[in-house]
């Protein structure tokens, strides 16, 4: 293998490793985004439940819940 072939081979290896690392980082970012979305949905549900509880309490206090 001459120097040009060796350099070309090494460049190909480096490119393949970089592409794999990029793919791994993309997957990690996607997983982090999905996790954040789940967390936000759960927080939203908790806020909705708290707000509904406050509304029900206010209705009970004012007699509007009858």
PDB file of N, CA and C in Angstrom:
ATOM      1  N   UNK A   1       0.859  -1.175   0.000  1.00  0.00           N
ATOM      2  CA  UNK A   1       0.000   0.000   0.000  1.00  0.00           C
ATOM      3  C   UNK A   1       0.906   1.239   0.000  1.00  0.00           C
ATOM      4  N   UNK A   2       0.721   2.125  -0.963  1.00  0.00           N
ATOM      5  CA  UNK A   2       1.559   3.323  -0.989  1.00  0.00           C
ATOM      6  C   UNK A   2       0.984   4.395  -0.066  1.00  0.00           C
ATOM      7  N   UNK A   3       1.692   5.503   0.052  1.00  0.00           N
ATOM      8  CA  UNK A   3       1.302   6.556   0.981  1.00  0.00           C
ATOM      9  C   UNK A   3      -0.077   7.142   0.644  1.00  0.00           C
ATOM     10  N   UNK A   4      -0.365   7.320  -0.625  1.00  0.00           N
ATOM     11  CA  UNK A   4      -1.679   7.871  -1.017  1.00  0.00           C
ATOM     12  C   UNK A   4      -2.809   6.927  -0.638  1.00  0.00           C
ATOM     13  N   UNK A   5      -2.604   5.637  -0.868  1.00  0.00           N
ATOM     14  CA  UNK A   5      -3.627   4.660  -0.508  1.00  0.00           C
ATOM     15  C   UNK A   5      -3.811   4.599   1.003  1.00  0.00           C
ATOM     16  N   UNK A   6      -2.708   4.652   1.728  1.00  0.00           N
ATOM     17  CA  UNK A   6      -2.771   4.611   3.183  1.00  0.00           C
ATOM     18  C   UNK A   6      -3.498   5.841   3.727  1.00  0.00           C
ATOM     19  N   UNK A   7      -3.165   7.004   3.196  1.00  0.00           N
ATOM     20  CA  UNK A   7      -3.818   8.235   3.644  1.00  0.00           C
ATOM     21  C   UNK A   7      -5.302   8.205   3.304  1.00  0.00           C
ATOM     22  N   UNK A   8      -5.629   7.695   2.133  1.00  0.00           N
ATOM     23  CA  UNK A   8      -7.030   7.613   1.725  1.00  0.00           C
ATOM     24  C   UNK A   8      -7.798   6.649   2.631  1.00  0.00           C
ATOM     25  N   UNK A   9      -7.178   5.520   2.946  1.00  0.00           N
ATOM     26  CA  UNK A   9      -7.799   4.547   3.837  1.00  0.00           C
ATOM     27  C   UNK A   9      -8.042   5.144   5.215  1.00  0.00           C
ATOM     28  N   UNK A  10      -7.028   5.830   5.746  1.00  0.00           N
ATOM     29  CA  UNK A  10      -7.158   6.450   7.069  1.00  0.00           C
ATOM     30  C   UNK A  10      -8.240   7.531   7.064  1.00  0.00           C
ATOM     31  N   UNK A  11      -8.299   8.295   5.983  1.00  0.00           N
ATOM     32  CA  UNK A  11      -9.334   9.328   5.875  1.00  0.00           C
ATOM     33  C   UNK A  11     -10.725   8.688   5.864  1.00  0.00           C
ATOM     34  N   UNK A  12     -10.853   7.579   5.178  1.00  0.00           N
ATOM     35  CA  UNK A  12     -12.131   6.859   5.156  1.00  0.00           C
ATOM     36  C   UNK A  12     -12.509   6.354   6.532  1.00  0.00           C
ATOM     37  N   UNK A  13     -11.519   5.836   7.259  1.00  0.00           N
ATOM     38  CA  UNK A  13     -11.775   5.344   8.610  1.00  0.00           C
ATOM     39  C   UNK A  13     -12.211   6.488   9.524  1.00  0.00           C
ATOM     40  N   UNK A  14     -11.533   7.605   9.434  1.00  0.00           N
ATOM     41  CA  UNK A  14     -11.874   8.768  10.266  1.00  0.00           C
ATOM     42  C   UNK A  14     -13.262   9.273   9.928  1.00  0.00           C
ATOM     43  N   UNK A  15     -13.585   9.307   8.636  1.00  0.00           N
ATOM     44  CA  UNK A  15     -14.916   9.766   8.214  1.00  0.00           C
ATOM     45  C   UNK A  15     -15.999   8.843   8.773  1.00  0.00           C
ATOM     46  N   UNK A  16     -15.769   7.548   8.696  1.00  0.00           N
ATOM     47  CA  UNK A  16     -16.754   6.583   9.200  1.00  0.00           C
ATOM     48  C   UNK A  16     -16.954   6.744  10.704  1.00  0.00           C
ATOM     49  N   UNK A  17     -15.864   6.933  11.431  1.00  0.00           N
ATOM     50  CA  UNK A  17     -15.967   7.129  12.880  1.00  0.00           C
ATOM     51  C   UNK A  17     -16.714   8.417  13.208  1.00  0.00           C
ATOM     52  N   UNK A  18     -16.440   9.474  12.450  1.00  0.00           N
ATOM     53  CA  UNK A  18     -17.116  10.752  12.681  1.00  0.00           C
ATOM     54  C   UNK A  18     -18.611  10.633  12.392  1.00  0.00           C
ATOM     55  N   UNK A  19     -18.949   9.925  11.334  1.00  0.00           N
ATOM     56  CA  UNK A  19     -20.372   9.741  11.005  1.00  0.00           C
ATOM     57  C   UNK A  19     -21.077   8.933  12.094  1.00  0.00           C
ATOM     58  N   UNK A  20     -20.427   7.911  12.604  1.00  0.00           N
ATOM     59  CA  UNK A  20     -21.008   7.091  13.677  1.00  0.00           C
ATOM     60  C   UNK A  20     -21.208   7.922  14.937  1.00  0.00           C
ATOM     61  N   UNK A  21     -20.190   8.723  15.274  1.00  0.00           N
ATOM     62  CA  UNK A  21     -20.298   9.569  16.464  1.00  0.00           C
ATOM     63  C   UNK A  21     -21.426  10.577  16.284  1.00  0.00           C
ATOM     64  N   UNK A  22     -21.545  11.142  15.089  1.00  0.00           N
ATOM     65  CA  UNK A  22     -22.631  12.077  14.808  1.00  0.00           C
ATOM     66  C   UNK A  22     -23.990  11.410  14.960  1.00  0.00           C
ATOM     67  N   UNK A  23     -24.085  10.191  14.502  1.00  0.00           N
ATOM     68  CA  UNK A  23     -25.335   9.446  14.628  1.00  0.00           C
ATOM     69  C   UNK A  23     -25.666   9.179  16.091  1.00  0.00           C
ATOM     70  N   UNK A  24     -24.649   8.844  16.877  1.00  0.00           N
ATOM     71  CA  UNK A  24     -24.864   8.598  18.304  1.00  0.00           C
ATOM     72  C   UNK A  24     -25.320   9.870  19.007  1.00  0.00           C
ATOM     73  N   UNK A  25     -24.685  10.989  18.684  1.00  0.00           N
ATOM     74  CA  UNK A  25     -25.072  12.261  19.307  1.00  0.00           C
ATOM     75  C   UNK A  25     -26.493  12.646  18.916  1.00  0.00           C
ATOM     76  N   UNK A  26     -26.855  12.396  17.672  1.00  0.00           N
ATOM     77  CA  UNK A  26     -28.215  12.681  17.205  1.00  0.00           C
ATOM     78  C   UNK A  26     -29.227  11.833  17.984  1.00  0.00           C
ATOM     79  N   UNK A  27     -28.913  10.563  18.174  1.00  0.00           N
ATOM     80  CA  UNK A  27     -29.800   9.684  18.938  1.00  0.00           C
ATOM     81  C   UNK A  27     -29.942  10.147  20.387  1.00  0.00           C
ATOM     82  N   UNK A  28     -28.824  10.561  20.981  1.00  0.00           N
ATOM     83  CA  UNK A  28     -28.865  11.033  22.370  1.00  0.00           C
ATOM     84  C   UNK A  28     -29.708  12.302  22.477  1.00  0.00           C
ATOM     85  N   UNK A  29     -29.559  13.188  21.514  1.00  0.00           N
ATOM     86  CA  UNK A  29     -30.339  14.426  21.528  1.00  0.00           C
ATOM     87  C   UNK A  29     -31.821  14.127  21.354  1.00  0.00           C
ATOM     88  N   UNK A  30     -32.128  13.176  20.500  1.00  0.00           N
ATOM     89  CA  UNK A  30     -33.521  12.791  20.280  1.00  0.00           C
ATOM     90  C   UNK A  30     -34.132  12.198  21.551  1.00  0.00           C
ATOM     91  N   UNK A  31     -33.364  11.363  22.232  1.00  0.00           N
ATOM     92  CA  UNK A  31     -33.844  10.766  23.474  1.00  0.00           C
ATOM     93  C   UNK A  31     -34.035  11.830  24.550  1.00  0.00           C
ATOM     94  N   UNK A  32     -33.128  12.778  24.618  1.00  0.00           N
ATOM     95  CA  UNK A  32     -33.250  13.860  25.602  1.00  0.00           C
ATOM     96  C   UNK A  32     -34.488  14.703  25.311  1.00  0.00           C
ATOM     97  N   UNK A  33     -34.749  14.961  24.037  1.00  0.00           N
ATOM     98  CA  UNK A  33     -35.925  15.750  23.663  1.00  0.00           C
ATOM     99  C   UNK A  33     -37.209  15.004  24.020  1.00  0.00           C
ATOM    100  N   UNK A  34     -37.234  13.710  23.773  1.00  0.00           N
ATOM    101  CA  UNK A  34     -38.418  12.916  24.110  1.00  0.00           C
ATOM    102  C   UNK A  34     -38.644  12.896  25.618  1.00  0.00           C
ATOM    103  N   UNK A  35     -37.566  12.777  26.373  1.00  0.00           N
ATOM    104  CA  UNK A  35     -37.673  12.786  27.830  1.00  0.00           C
ATOM    105  C   UNK A  35     -38.186  14.132  28.334  1.00  0.00           C
ATOM    106  N   UNK A  36     -37.670  15.206  27.756  1.00  0.00           N
ATOM    107  CA  UNK A  36     -38.133  16.542  28.149  1.00  0.00           C
ATOM    108  C   UNK A  36     -39.603  16.723  27.812  1.00  0.00           C
ATOM    109  N   UNK A  37     -40.018  16.210  26.667  1.00  0.00           N
ATOM    110  CA  UNK A  37     -41.425  16.327  26.280  1.00  0.00           C
ATOM    111  C   UNK A  37     -42.310  15.569  27.266  1.00  0.00           C
ATOM    112  N   UNK A  38     -41.887  14.381  27.653  1.00  0.00           N
ATOM    113  CA  UNK A  38     -42.645  13.606  28.635  1.00  0.00           C
ATOM    114  C   UNK A  38     -42.749  14.349  29.958  1.00  0.00           C
ATOM    115  N   UNK A  39     -41.628  14.922  30.386  1.00  0.00           N
ATOM    116  CA  UNK A  39     -41.626  15.666  31.646  1.00  0.00           C
ATOM    117  C   UNK A  39     -42.571  16.860  31.580  1.00  0.00           C
ATOM    118  N   UNK A  40     -42.562  17.559  30.464  1.00  0.00           N
ATOM    119  CA  UNK A  40     -43.439  18.723  30.308  1.00  0.00           C
ATOM    120  C   UNK A  40     -44.909  18.304  30.292  1.00  0.00           C
ATOM    121  N   UNK A  41     -45.194  17.187  29.641  1.00  0.00           N
ATOM    122  CA  UNK A  41     -46.577  16.703  29.621  1.00  0.00           C
ATOM    123  C   UNK A  41     -47.041  16.347  31.028  1.00  0.00           C
ATOM    124  N   UNK A  42     -46.186  15.699  31.794  1.00  0.00           N
ATOM    125  CA  UNK A  42     -46.541  15.346  33.166  1.00  0.00           C
ATOM    126  C   UNK A  42     -46.747  16.596  34.010  1.00  0.00           C
ATOM    127  N   UNK A  43     -45.860  17.577  33.835  1.00  0.00           N
ATOM    128  CA  UNK A  43     -46.004  18.827  34.588  1.00  0.00           C
ATOM    129  C   UNK A  43     -47.299  19.530  34.202  1.00  0.00           C
ATOM    130  N   UNK A  44     -47.621  19.513  32.922  1.00  0.00           N
ATOM    131  CA  UNK A  44     -48.870  20.124  32.458  1.00  0.00           C
ATOM    132  C   UNK A  44     -50.087  19.444  33.054  1.00  0.00           C
ATOM    133  N   UNK A  45     -50.060  18.136  33.130  1.00  0.00           N
ATOM    134  CA  UNK A  45     -51.179  17.400  33.727  1.00  0.00           C
ATOM    135  C   UNK A  45     -51.326  17.740  35.208  1.00  0.00           C
ATOM    136  N   UNK A  46     -50.192  17.853  35.901  1.00  0.00           N
ATOM    137  CA  UNK A  46     -50.238  18.201  37.321  1.00  0.00           C
ATOM    138  C   UNK A  46     -50.790  19.609  37.520  1.00  0.00           C
ATOM    139  N   UNK A  47     -50.366  20.540  36.661  1.00  0.00           N
ATOM    140  CA  UNK A  47     -50.867  21.910  36.758  1.00  0.00           C
ATOM    141  C   UNK A  47     -52.368  21.956  36.472  1.00  0.00           C
ATOM    142  N   UNK A  48     -52.797  21.188  35.483  1.00  0.00           N
ATOM    143  CA  UNK A  48     -54.219  21.141  35.138  1.00  0.00           C
ATOM    144  C   UNK A  48     -55.036  20.606  36.314  1.00  0.00           C
ATOM    145  N   UNK A  49     -54.529  19.551  36.938  1.00  0.00           N
ATOM    146  CA  UNK A  49     -55.232  18.970  38.083  1.00  0.00           C
ATOM    147  C   UNK A  49     -55.278  19.952  39.242  1.00  0.00           C
ATOM    148  N   UNK A  50     -54.177  20.660  39.470  1.00  0.00           N
ATOM    149  CA  UNK A  50     -54.149  21.651  40.558  1.00  0.00           C
ATOM    150  C   UNK A  50     -55.126  22.784  40.284  1.00  0.00           C
ATOM    151  N   UNK A  51     -55.158  23.236  39.053  1.00  0.00           N
ATOM    152  CA  UNK A  51     -56.077  24.317  38.694  1.00  0.00           C
ATOM    153  C   UNK A  51     -57.526  23.873  38.846  1.00  0.00           C
ATOM    154  N   UNK A  52     -57.805  22.644  38.433  1.00  0.00           N
ATOM    155  CA  UNK A  52     -59.179  22.144  38.572  1.00  0.00           C
ATOM    156  C   UNK A  52     -59.555  22.027  40.036  1.00  0.00           C
ATOM    157  N   UNK A  53     -58.599  21.606  40.862  1.00  0.00           N
ATOM    158  CA  UNK A  53     -58.860  21.536  42.297  1.00  0.00           C
ATOM    159  C   UNK A  53     -59.144  22.905  42.881  1.00  0.00           C
ATOM    160  N   UNK A  54     -58.410  23.917  42.421  1.00  0.00           N
ATOM    161  CA  UNK A  54     -58.643  25.275  42.901  1.00  0.00           C
ATOM    162  C   UNK A  54     -60.012  25.781  42.468  1.00  0.00           C
ATOM    163  N   UNK A  55     -60.397  25.477  41.246  1.00  0.00           N
ATOM    164  CA  UNK A  55     -61.719  25.885  40.749  1.00  0.00           C
ATOM    165  C   UNK A  55     -62.807  25.205  41.565  1.00  0.00           C
ATOM    166  N   UNK A  56     -62.653  23.917  41.793  1.00  0.00           N
ATOM    167  CA  UNK A  56     -63.661  23.186  42.576  1.00  0.00           C
ATOM    168  C   UNK A  56     -63.756  23.733  44.000  1.00  0.00           C
ATOM    169  N   UNK A  57     -62.608  24.072  44.599  1.00  0.00           N
ATOM    170  CA  UNK A  57     -62.613  24.638  45.948  1.00  0.00           C
ATOM    171  C   UNK A  57     -63.332  25.988  45.970  1.00  0.00           C
ATOM    172  N   UNK A  58     -63.067  26.792  44.947  1.00  0.00           N
ATOM    173  CA  UNK A  58     -63.722  28.101  44.875  1.00  0.00           C
ATOM    174  C   UNK A  58     -65.224  27.930  44.696  1.00  0.00           C
ATOM    175  N   UNK A  59     -65.614  26.980  43.873  1.00  0.00           N
ATOM    176  CA  UNK A  59     -67.051  26.734  43.673  1.00  0.00           C
ATOM    177  C   UNK A  59     -67.695  26.255  44.965  1.00  0.00           C
ATOM    178  N   UNK A  60     -67.007  25.368  45.676  1.00  0.00           N
ATOM    179  CA  UNK A  60     -67.532  24.880  46.950  1.00  0.00           C
ATOM    180  C   UNK A  60     -67.672  26.036  47.947  1.00  0.00           C
ATOM    181  N   UNK A  61     -66.667  26.894  47.986  1.00  0.00           N
ATOM    182  CA  UNK A  61     -66.669  28.000  48.933  1.00  0.00           C
ATOM    183  C   UNK A  61     -67.775  29.013  48.631  1.00  0.00           C
ATOM    184  N   UNK A  62     -68.104  29.176  47.378  1.00  0.00           N
ATOM    185  CA  UNK A  62     -69.121  30.162  46.999  1.00  0.00           C
ATOM    186  C   UNK A  62     -70.494  29.534  46.823  1.00  0.00           C
ATOM    187  N   UNK A  63     -70.567  28.227  46.975  1.00  0.00           N
ATOM    188  CA  UNK A  63     -71.855  27.557  46.831  1.00  0.00           C
ATOM    189  C   UNK A  63     -72.268  27.338  45.387  1.00  0.00           C
ATOM    190  N   UNK A  64     -71.354  27.491  44.448  1.00  0.00           N
ATOM    191  CA  UNK A  64     -71.681  27.317  43.030  1.00  0.00           C
ATOM    192  C   UNK A  64     -71.590  25.867  42.578  1.00  0.00           C
ATOM    193  N   UNK A  65     -71.202  24.991  43.441  1.00  0.00           N
ATOM    194  CA  UNK A  65     -70.967  23.604  43.051  1.00  0.00           C
ATOM    195  C   UNK A  65     -72.167  22.724  43.396  1.00  0.00           C
ATOM    196  N   UNK A  66     -73.321  23.347  43.541  1.00  0.00           N
ATOM    197  CA  UNK A  66     -74.494  22.562  43.936  1.00  0.00           C
ATOM    198  C   UNK A  66     -75.397  22.323  42.763  1.00  0.00           C
TER     199      UNK A  66
END
